[in-house]
Amino acid sequence: MKKYFFPLLIAAMAVLSCGSKEPSGVVKALADPYGLQATVVSETSASLSWQHDGVGVEGWWVFLRKASEGVSSLPLNQASPLPASERSYVFEGLKAGETYYFGVKAKGASAGSAIVYSDSLAMPAPEPGPEPPQPAAEPVTITADAAGFAVEFRSKSVNGEDVIVTLGKVSANKTVQIDRYSIGSESFQSYTDWIGPYNMKTVATTTQTEKLSGFVGGWHASNGDGTGDPTAVTESIEVFLDGSELPSGTATGSEAKVVVHNKVEALNTKLGESKRFTICEDVTYTFKESRLYVRVDITAIEDVRITIYYGMQIANGFCSRFTFTTDDGDVKTTTGNFNCPGKVRDMTGYSTGGHCVIAHMFDEGLGTFSKATPAYSALTQYYGAGNGKGYYMLIGDMQGTSSALVLKKDNTIYWSGYYEFK
């Protein structure tokens, strides 16, 4: 065995000795640049500096990437590397407010260093200019008689015309609703509801078997239309100016609010021994900034099934034309009966005398249209030439063929929007 030991050991050492030599043709990479510093020069330029011993360097490539972008191996100056003596570079044409990484790579005769990037650098955002002056909010004057269920708002439109809106006990129901309004030289006396009535019945059966169609609440009495016995009552109203209660008198401020507390019967609880209220309806009118904001909260006294509910309407009975604007910006115009597809946010009625009423529906509560037919969210009906009325569609459809909303006892639904007269 010994006679083989020394030859094997010598051979192994020879192999190790050969392996320690650098093979011919292998190119050694350059050392990486270090000590990178990126600094802002202006809103749209930055400087990058670095350090290097310069051994083997024939030039420099520089790199730029946004914080939102991936790394690229393509240098900005691919066609013209920086001279070997350089240790800085100024990047121009940067975007104010954007965050960047700046990189550099040493270029050698046959090989280069790795690309080394600086820490991120956020370019300063431009200083905001002065805010444009905001027009002063138009004051509103309110005349209140809470005990007499009467309120008047006086203000200016966004175009500077005089606007007057009054609330009073109207219709066969004698509930507090929009009684009249005037804009400039035109005025209108309500003969129908602005805040929609209900096609609804109680879930529980009743003994009433007649007059089960039509609507209740709003302008609608026991015959299902505007005639008959009351189907609703206003129990009380509250009046506020700039947050303070104003039960009576006239005062001026920036925000006037009236809360109307109603109760409404159902179609099968409006007559005889079945007669009873089935929902509470709180209507809040807030006049501010040239608009009449409206919010309606509906709370069930017992389980009810609501088949048709329009909610917000334009009862400007002499509208000759309507436009609808959906939340995706689509605009449609009509001068006749029309069901508007999409989610309508602005419904505008135009009078022959030149003024208009905008009814805007906020995207919340029933205003998401989740309880209504997907076919349309607003519509018009004409009751004679130039005598159109606009309706939102918040529950079901106008034929009562879509799925109804069952509102359980003590549960509440709502919608909100505003009217603008100009």
Protein backbone atom coordinates (compact mmCIF):
# COMPACT_ATOMS: atom_id res chain seq x y z
CA MET A 1 0.00 0.00 0.00
CA LYS A 2 2.78 2.43 0.86
CA LYS A 3 4.25 2.19 -2.57
CA TYR A 4 1.06 3.84 -4.01
CA PHE A 5 0.61 6.60 -1.39
CA PHE A 6 3.24 9.12 -2.45
CA PRO A 7 2.47 9.08 -6.20
CA LEU A 8 -1.27 9.73 -5.50
CA LEU A 9 -0.50 12.58 -3.12
CA ILE A 10 1.85 14.19 -5.62
CA ALA A 11 -0.77 13.91 -8.38
CA ALA A 12 -3.47 15.50 -6.20
CA MET A 13 -1.23 18.40 -5.29
CA ALA A 14 -0.47 18.93 -8.97
CA VAL A 15 -4.20 19.14 -9.75
CA LEU A 16 -4.82 21.66 -6.93
CA SER A 17 -1.92 23.71 -8.08
CA CYS A 18 -3.29 23.88 -11.63
CA GLY A 19 -6.79 24.86 -10.36
CA SER A 20 -5.52 27.90 -8.51
CA LYS A 21 -4.39 29.56 -11.71
CA GLU A 22 -6.75 32.00 -13.49
CA PRO A 23 -7.80 30.48 -16.85
CA SER A 24 -6.72 32.42 -19.87
CA GLY A 25 -9.48 34.52 -21.52
CA VAL A 26 -11.44 35.22 -18.27
CA VAL A 27 -12.29 38.98 -17.91
CA LYS A 28 -12.34 40.42 -14.40
CA ALA A 29 -15.31 42.79 -13.72
CA LEU A 30 -14.65 46.35 -12.59
CA ALA A 31 -15.20 47.42 -9.01
CA ASP A 32 -18.66 48.85 -8.31
CA PRO A 33 -19.10 52.59 -7.77
CA TYR A 34 -19.94 53.50 -4.18
CA GLY A 35 -20.96 56.44 -2.00
CA LEU A 36 -23.82 57.46 -4.28
CA GLN A 37 -25.50 60.76 -3.35
CA ALA A 38 -28.59 62.13 -5.10
CA THR A 39 -29.56 65.76 -4.47
CA VAL A 40 -32.25 68.07 -5.82
CA VAL A 41 -31.02 70.84 -8.10
CA SER A 42 -34.41 72.31 -9.08
CA GLU A 43 -38.06 71.25 -9.34
CA THR A 44 -37.19 69.31 -12.50
CA SER A 45 -33.50 68.34 -12.11
CA ALA A 46 -31.29 66.34 -9.72
CA SER A 47 -27.57 65.59 -9.42
CA LEU A 48 -26.01 62.16 -8.78
CA SER A 49 -22.41 61.85 -7.48
CA TRP A 50 -20.38 58.71 -6.78
CA GLN A 51 -16.91 57.50 -5.89
CA HIS A 52 -14.52 55.01 -7.58
CA ASP A 53 -10.78 54.28 -7.74
CA GLY A 54 -10.94 54.56 -11.54
CA VAL A 55 -9.00 51.32 -12.23
CA GLY A 56 -10.02 49.94 -15.61
CA VAL A 57 -12.76 52.53 -16.12
CA GLU A 58 -13.22 53.81 -19.66
CA GLY A 59 -16.50 55.67 -19.05
CA TRP A 60 -19.80 55.77 -17.17
CA TRP A 61 -23.39 54.86 -17.96
CA VAL A 62 -26.18 56.48 -15.96
CA PHE A 63 -29.66 55.12 -15.26
CA LEU A 64 -33.01 56.56 -14.16
CA ARG A 65 -36.22 54.94 -12.99
CA LYS A 66 -39.38 56.10 -11.26
CA ALA A 67 -40.28 54.53 -7.92
CA SER A 68 -43.33 52.99 -9.60
CA GLU A 69 -41.25 51.33 -12.37
CA GLY A 70 -39.09 48.22 -12.54
CA VAL A 71 -35.32 48.17 -13.02
CA SER A 72 -34.06 48.62 -16.59
CA SER A 73 -30.58 47.73 -17.93
CA LEU A 74 -30.82 50.41 -20.63
CA PRO A 75 -28.72 53.49 -19.76
CA LEU A 76 -29.89 57.01 -20.55
CA ASN A 77 -26.58 57.77 -22.29
CA GLN A 78 -26.08 54.48 -24.08
CA ALA A 79 -24.74 56.20 -27.21
CA SER A 80 -22.37 58.53 -25.37
CA PRO A 81 -20.88 57.30 -22.06
CA LEU A 82 -19.53 59.90 -19.66
CA PRO A 83 -15.74 60.38 -19.63
CA ALA A 84 -13.79 58.15 -17.21
CA SER A 85 -12.82 61.18 -15.13
CA GLU A 86 -16.43 62.12 -14.30
CA ARG A 87 -17.93 61.39 -10.85
CA SER A 88 -21.28 63.20 -11.19
CA TYR A 89 -24.19 63.72 -13.56
CA VAL A 90 -27.21 66.05 -13.65
CA PHE A 91 -30.57 64.51 -14.67
CA GLU A 92 -32.88 67.00 -16.40
CA GLY A 93 -36.57 66.98 -17.30
CA LEU A 94 -37.78 65.29 -14.12
CA LYS A 95 -41.37 65.62 -12.98
CA ALA A 96 -42.08 67.75 -9.94
CA GLY A 97 -43.56 65.67 -7.13
CA GLU A 98 -42.33 62.35 -8.62
CA THR A 99 -39.97 59.95 -6.76
CA TYR A 100 -36.90 58.58 -8.60
CA TYR A 101 -33.92 56.22 -8.23
CA PHE A 102 -30.64 57.27 -9.95
CA GLY A 103 -28.05 54.69 -11.05
CA VAL A 104 -24.50 54.48 -12.42
CA LYS A 105 -22.32 51.72 -13.91
CA ALA A 106 -18.59 51.69 -14.72
CA LYS A 107 -17.75 50.77 -18.34
CA GLY A 108 -14.54 48.86 -19.03
CA ALA A 109 -12.79 47.61 -22.14
CA SER A 110 -14.42 44.18 -21.99
CA ALA A 111 -16.58 44.21 -18.86
CA GLY A 112 -18.18 46.63 -16.45
CA SER A 113 -19.37 46.94 -12.89
CA ALA A 114 -22.82 46.24 -11.59
CA ILE A 115 -25.50 48.96 -11.83
CA VAL A 116 -25.63 50.70 -8.46
CA TYR A 117 -28.65 52.85 -7.51
CA SER A 118 -29.00 55.70 -5.06
CA ASP A 119 -31.63 55.86 -2.36
CA SER A 120 -34.96 57.17 -3.58
CA LEU A 121 -35.27 60.91 -4.06
CA ALA A 122 -38.62 62.74 -4.15
CA MET A 123 -38.68 65.79 -6.35
CA PRO A 124 -40.39 68.73 -4.63
CA ALA A 125 -43.98 69.36 -5.59
CA PRO A 126 -44.71 72.83 -6.96
CA GLU A 127 -45.92 75.33 -4.42
CA PRO A 128 -49.69 75.69 -4.67
CA GLY A 129 -50.87 78.99 -5.97
CA PRO A 130 -53.32 81.14 -4.08
CA GLU A 131 -56.80 79.67 -3.79
CA PRO A 132 -59.26 81.39 -6.10
CA PRO A 133 -61.66 83.53 -4.12
CA GLN A 134 -64.84 81.67 -3.26
CA PRO A 135 -68.12 83.49 -3.82
CA ALA A 136 -69.82 84.38 -0.58
CA ALA A 137 -72.69 82.04 0.23
CA GLU A 138 -76.00 83.75 -0.39
CA PRO A 139 -77.81 84.39 2.88
CA VAL A 140 -81.26 82.91 3.37
CA THR A 141 -84.16 84.61 5.11
CA ILE A 142 -86.69 82.35 6.76
CA THR A 143 -90.15 83.26 8.01
CA ALA A 144 -91.44 80.59 10.38
CA ASP A 145 -94.80 79.75 11.91
CA ALA A 146 -94.24 76.25 13.27
CA ALA A 147 -97.58 76.22 15.10
CA GLY A 148 -99.35 77.18 11.88
CA PHE A 149 -97.35 74.67 9.78
CA ALA A 150 -96.06 77.38 7.44
CA VAL A 151 -92.51 78.34 6.40
CA GLU A 152 -91.04 80.60 3.72
CA PHE A 153 -87.44 80.58 2.42
CA ARG A 154 -86.10 83.66 0.60
CA SER A 155 -82.69 83.73 -1.05
CA LYS A 156 -80.88 84.12 -4.37
CA SER A 157 -80.25 81.57 -7.10
CA VAL A 158 -76.71 80.76 -8.24
CA ASN A 159 -77.38 83.25 -11.04
CA GLY A 160 -78.52 85.99 -8.69
CA GLU A 161 -82.30 85.84 -9.24
CA ASP A 162 -84.70 86.11 -6.32
CA VAL A 163 -85.90 82.69 -5.15
CA ILE A 164 -88.86 82.08 -2.84
CA VAL A 165 -89.96 78.61 -1.70
CA THR A 166 -92.85 78.10 0.72
CA LEU A 167 -93.90 75.05 2.69
CA GLY A 168 -97.48 74.69 3.85
CA LYS A 169 -100.38 72.32 4.50
CA VAL A 170 -101.57 71.30 1.06
CA SER A 171 -103.49 68.54 -0.78
CA ALA A 172 -106.37 66.53 0.59
CA ASN A 173 -103.93 65.19 3.20
CA LYS A 174 -103.17 68.70 4.51
CA THR A 175 -99.56 67.62 5.02
CA VAL A 176 -96.68 70.11 4.92
CA GLN A 177 -95.17 70.02 1.44
CA ILE A 178 -93.74 72.46 -1.13
CA ASP A 179 -96.66 74.78 -1.72
CA ARG A 180 -95.19 77.21 -4.22
CA TYR A 181 -91.95 78.64 -5.52
CA SER A 182 -90.90 81.61 -7.60
CA ILE A 183 -87.73 82.29 -9.52
CA GLY A 184 -87.24 85.74 -10.98
CA SER A 185 -90.53 86.75 -12.62
CA GLU A 186 -91.95 83.19 -12.83
CA SER A 187 -93.93 81.50 -10.09
CA PHE A 188 -95.57 78.12 -9.70
CA GLN A 189 -98.32 76.87 -7.38
CA SER A 190 -98.05 73.17 -6.58
CA TYR A 191 -100.94 70.92 -7.52
CA THR A 192 -99.07 67.65 -7.10
CA ASP A 193 -96.33 66.24 -4.88
CA TRP A 194 -92.58 66.90 -5.02
CA ILE A 195 -91.77 64.23 -2.42
CA GLY A 196 -93.25 61.02 -3.76
CA PRO A 197 -96.16 59.00 -2.38
CA TYR A 198 -96.14 55.23 -1.79
CA ASN A 199 -97.71 52.23 -3.44
CA MET A 200 -97.53 49.96 -0.39
CA LYS A 201 -99.52 47.52 1.69
CA THR A 202 -98.98 45.95 5.06
CA VAL A 203 -97.55 42.45 5.10
CA ALA A 204 -100.26 41.45 7.56
CA THR A 205 -103.65 40.95 5.93
CA THR A 206 -106.47 43.37 6.70
CA THR A 207 -110.23 43.35 6.27
CA GLN A 208 -110.13 46.16 3.71
CA THR A 209 -110.99 44.88 0.24
CA GLU A 210 -111.71 48.05 -1.78
CA LYS A 211 -109.58 50.83 -3.23
CA LEU A 212 -106.34 48.85 -2.94
CA SER A 213 -104.66 50.52 -5.93
CA GLY A 214 -103.01 53.90 -6.46
CA PHE A 215 -100.88 55.68 -3.88
CA VAL A 216 -100.94 56.93 -0.32
CA GLY A 217 -99.14 59.87 1.25
CA GLY A 218 -97.86 62.90 -0.58
CA TRP A 219 -100.72 64.43 -2.58
CA HIS A 220 -102.70 61.17 -2.68
CA ALA A 221 -105.82 60.56 -0.62
CA SER A 222 -108.02 57.52 -0.08
CA ASN A 223 -109.27 57.26 -3.66
CA GLY A 224 -105.68 56.56 -4.71
CA ASP A 225 -105.33 59.92 -6.45
CA GLY A 226 -105.70 63.48 -5.14
CA THR A 227 -109.24 62.96 -3.86
CA GLY A 228 -110.88 61.34 -0.89
CA ASP A 229 -110.04 61.19 2.79
CA PRO A 230 -106.50 61.86 4.08
CA THR A 231 -103.98 59.00 3.98
CA ALA A 232 -101.27 60.93 5.83
CA VAL A 233 -100.85 63.54 8.54
CA THR A 234 -98.19 66.05 9.54
CA GLU A 235 -97.89 65.74 13.29
CA SER A 236 -95.38 68.55 13.80
CA ILE A 237 -92.63 70.61 12.19
CA GLU A 238 -89.38 71.98 13.60
CA VAL A 239 -87.68 75.11 12.27
CA PHE A 240 -84.00 76.05 12.72
CA LEU A 241 -81.72 78.84 11.55
CA ASP A 242 -77.97 78.21 11.75
CA GLY A 243 -78.58 75.43 14.26
CA SER A 244 -80.84 77.39 16.62
CA GLU A 245 -84.56 76.74 16.88
CA LEU A 246 -86.82 79.38 15.35
CA PRO A 247 -90.45 78.46 16.04
CA SER A 248 -91.77 81.79 14.76
CA GLY A 249 -90.66 85.08 13.25
CA THR A 250 -88.32 86.19 10.48
CA ALA A 251 -84.53 85.98 10.57
CA THR A 252 -81.58 85.79 8.15
CA GLY A 253 -78.62 83.41 8.25
CA SER A 254 -76.61 80.98 6.16
CA GLU A 255 -78.61 77.77 6.71
CA ALA A 256 -82.33 77.37 7.32
CA LYS A 257 -83.79 73.97 8.16
CA VAL A 258 -87.30 72.57 8.50
CA VAL A 259 -88.02 69.03 9.71
CA VAL A 260 -91.52 67.74 8.86
CA HIS A 261 -92.78 64.74 10.86
CA ASN A 262 -95.42 62.75 8.95
CA LYS A 263 -97.25 59.48 9.36
CA VAL A 264 -98.67 57.59 6.37
CA GLU A 265 -101.24 54.83 5.96
CA ALA A 266 -100.97 51.87 3.58
CA LEU A 267 -103.30 51.05 0.68
CA ASN A 268 -104.92 48.33 2.79
CA THR A 269 -105.08 50.38 6.01
CA LYS A 270 -106.77 53.59 4.80
CA LEU A 271 -110.45 52.68 5.27
CA GLY A 272 -112.83 51.38 7.92
CA GLU A 273 -111.72 49.25 10.81
CA SER A 274 -108.35 48.59 9.13
CA LYS A 275 -107.47 52.31 9.14
CA ARG A 276 -104.07 52.96 10.76
CA PHE A 277 -100.68 54.50 10.06
CA THR A 278 -97.95 52.12 8.93
CA ILE A 279 -94.83 54.28 8.42
CA CYS A 280 -93.24 57.41 9.89
CA GLU A 281 -91.86 59.81 7.30
CA ASP A 282 -89.43 62.54 8.37
CA VAL A 283 -88.71 65.07 5.62
CA THR A 284 -85.84 67.50 6.24
CA TYR A 285 -85.63 70.61 4.05
CA THR A 286 -82.39 72.61 4.33
CA PHE A 287 -81.95 75.81 2.36
CA LYS A 288 -78.32 76.88 2.01
CA GLU A 289 -75.91 78.01 -0.70
CA SER A 290 -78.77 78.68 -3.15
CA ARG A 291 -80.06 75.11 -2.93
CA LEU A 292 -82.93 73.37 -1.17
CA TYR A 293 -81.48 70.14 0.21
CA VAL A 294 -83.92 67.33 0.99
CA ARG A 295 -83.56 64.16 3.02
CA VAL A 296 -86.37 61.67 3.63
CA ASP A 297 -86.17 59.01 6.38
CA ILE A 298 -88.84 56.30 6.27
CA THR A 299 -89.35 54.08 9.33
CA ALA A 300 -91.82 51.18 9.42
CA ILE A 301 -94.37 51.11 12.24
CA GLU A 302 -95.20 47.56 11.13
CA ASP A 303 -93.99 45.34 8.29
CA VAL A 304 -94.90 46.90 4.94
CA ARG A 305 -94.32 45.94 1.33
CA ILE A 306 -93.45 48.96 -0.85
CA THR A 307 -94.07 48.18 -4.52
CA ILE A 308 -93.57 51.61 -6.14
CA TYR A 309 -91.70 54.61 -4.72
CA TYR A 310 -90.39 57.54 -6.74
CA GLY A 311 -89.07 59.66 -3.90
CA MET A 312 -87.75 62.86 -5.48
CA GLN A 313 -89.84 64.51 -8.19
CA ILE A 314 -90.00 67.72 -10.20
CA ALA A 315 -93.56 68.89 -9.92
CA ASN A 316 -92.94 71.86 -12.18
CA GLY A 317 -96.15 71.10 -14.03
CA PHE A 318 -95.41 73.34 -16.99
CA CYS A 319 -92.03 71.75 -17.91
CA SER A 320 -91.69 71.61 -21.67
CA ARG A 321 -88.37 69.76 -21.71
CA PHE A 322 -86.23 67.56 -19.45
CA THR A 323 -82.60 66.49 -19.45
CA PHE A 324 -81.12 63.56 -17.53
CA THR A 325 -77.43 63.27 -16.63
CA THR A 326 -76.16 59.89 -15.41
CA ASP A 327 -73.20 59.27 -13.13
CA ASP A 328 -71.07 58.30 -16.13
CA GLY A 329 -71.72 61.68 -17.80
CA ASP A 330 -74.29 60.55 -20.37
CA VAL A 331 -76.93 63.22 -21.11
CA LYS A 332 -80.37 62.55 -22.58
CA THR A 333 -83.10 65.05 -23.50
CA THR A 334 -86.82 64.46 -23.84
CA THR A 335 -90.01 66.42 -24.53
CA GLY A 336 -92.33 63.47 -23.92
CA ASN A 337 -92.79 60.34 -21.84
CA PHE A 338 -89.41 58.74 -21.33
CA ASN A 339 -87.69 56.16 -19.09
CA CYS A 340 -84.00 57.01 -18.66
CA PRO A 341 -81.52 54.11 -18.35
CA GLY A 342 -78.38 54.32 -16.23
CA LYS A 343 -78.00 55.89 -12.80
CA VAL A 344 -79.38 59.42 -13.10
CA ARG A 345 -77.77 62.00 -10.83
CA ASP A 346 -79.29 65.20 -12.26
CA MET A 347 -82.81 65.55 -13.60
CA THR A 348 -83.56 69.03 -14.96
CA GLY A 349 -86.94 70.41 -15.97
CA TYR A 350 -87.15 73.52 -18.17
CA SER A 351 -90.14 75.83 -18.28
CA THR A 352 -91.37 77.63 -21.38
CA GLY A 353 -90.65 80.87 -19.52
CA GLY A 354 -86.92 80.15 -19.38
CA HIS A 355 -86.12 78.95 -15.87
CA CYS A 356 -85.21 75.44 -14.74
CA VAL A 357 -85.32 73.20 -11.71
CA ILE A 358 -82.52 70.68 -11.09
CA ALA A 359 -83.22 67.66 -8.91
CA HIS A 360 -79.94 66.05 -7.87
CA MET A 361 -79.92 62.59 -6.27
CA PHE A 362 -77.01 61.69 -3.99
CA ASP A 363 -75.41 58.25 -4.39
CA GLU A 364 -76.46 56.94 -0.98
CA GLY A 365 -79.39 55.15 0.60
CA LEU A 366 -82.12 54.52 -1.96
CA GLY A 367 -80.14 56.82 -4.28
CA THR A 368 -77.86 53.89 -5.12
CA PHE A 369 -80.90 52.50 -7.01
CA SER A 370 -80.26 49.06 -5.52
CA LYS A 371 -83.97 48.62 -4.74
CA ALA A 372 -85.25 49.75 -8.15
CA THR A 373 -85.60 48.22 -11.57
CA PRO A 374 -82.27 48.09 -13.42
CA ALA A 375 -84.02 49.25 -16.60
CA TYR A 376 -84.23 52.94 -15.61
CA SER A 377 -83.67 55.22 -12.63
CA ALA A 378 -85.71 58.27 -13.66
CA LEU A 379 -88.60 59.04 -15.98
CA THR A 380 -90.96 61.69 -17.27
CA GLN A 381 -94.71 61.73 -17.75
CA TYR A 382 -96.52 64.39 -19.76
CA TYR A 383 -100.07 65.37 -18.85
CA GLY A 384 -100.62 67.69 -21.79
CA ALA A 385 -98.51 69.80 -24.15
CA GLY A 386 -95.65 71.41 -22.23
CA ASN A 387 -96.96 69.95 -18.97
CA GLY A 388 -94.34 67.42 -17.93
CA LYS A 389 -93.39 65.98 -14.56
CA GLY A 390 -90.11 64.26 -13.66
CA TYR A 391 -89.69 61.30 -11.31
CA TYR A 392 -86.82 59.36 -9.84
CA MET A 393 -87.38 55.59 -9.56
CA LEU A 394 -86.13 54.44 -6.16
CA ILE A 395 -88.15 51.27 -5.43
CA GLY A 396 -89.60 48.87 -7.98
CA ASP A 397 -90.85 50.15 -11.34
CA MET A 398 -93.77 52.32 -12.37
CA GLN A 399 -95.92 49.28 -13.27
CA GLY A 400 -95.33 47.59 -9.92
CA THR A 401 -93.95 44.48 -11.63
CA SER A 402 -90.44 44.49 -10.12
CA SER A 403 -89.56 42.99 -6.77
CA ALA A 404 -91.05 44.97 -3.90
CA LEU A 405 -89.12 46.10 -0.85
CA VAL A 406 -90.33 44.66 2.44
CA LEU A 407 -89.51 47.14 5.18
CA LYS A 408 -89.57 45.42 8.56
CA LYS A 409 -91.00 47.02 11.67
CA ASP A 410 -88.66 49.69 13.16
CA ASN A 411 -86.29 49.53 10.17
CA THR A 412 -85.44 52.75 8.31
CA ILE A 413 -84.55 53.58 4.70
CA TYR A 414 -83.64 57.01 3.33
CA TRP A 415 -82.59 59.09 0.35
CA SER A 416 -81.11 62.58 -0.01
CA GLY A 417 -80.57 65.17 -2.72
CA TYR A 418 -81.19 68.81 -3.53
CA TYR A 419 -83.24 71.13 -5.68
CA GLU A 420 -81.67 74.08 -7.47
CA PHE A 421 -83.87 76.80 -8.96
CA LYS A 422 -82.35 79.10 -11.58
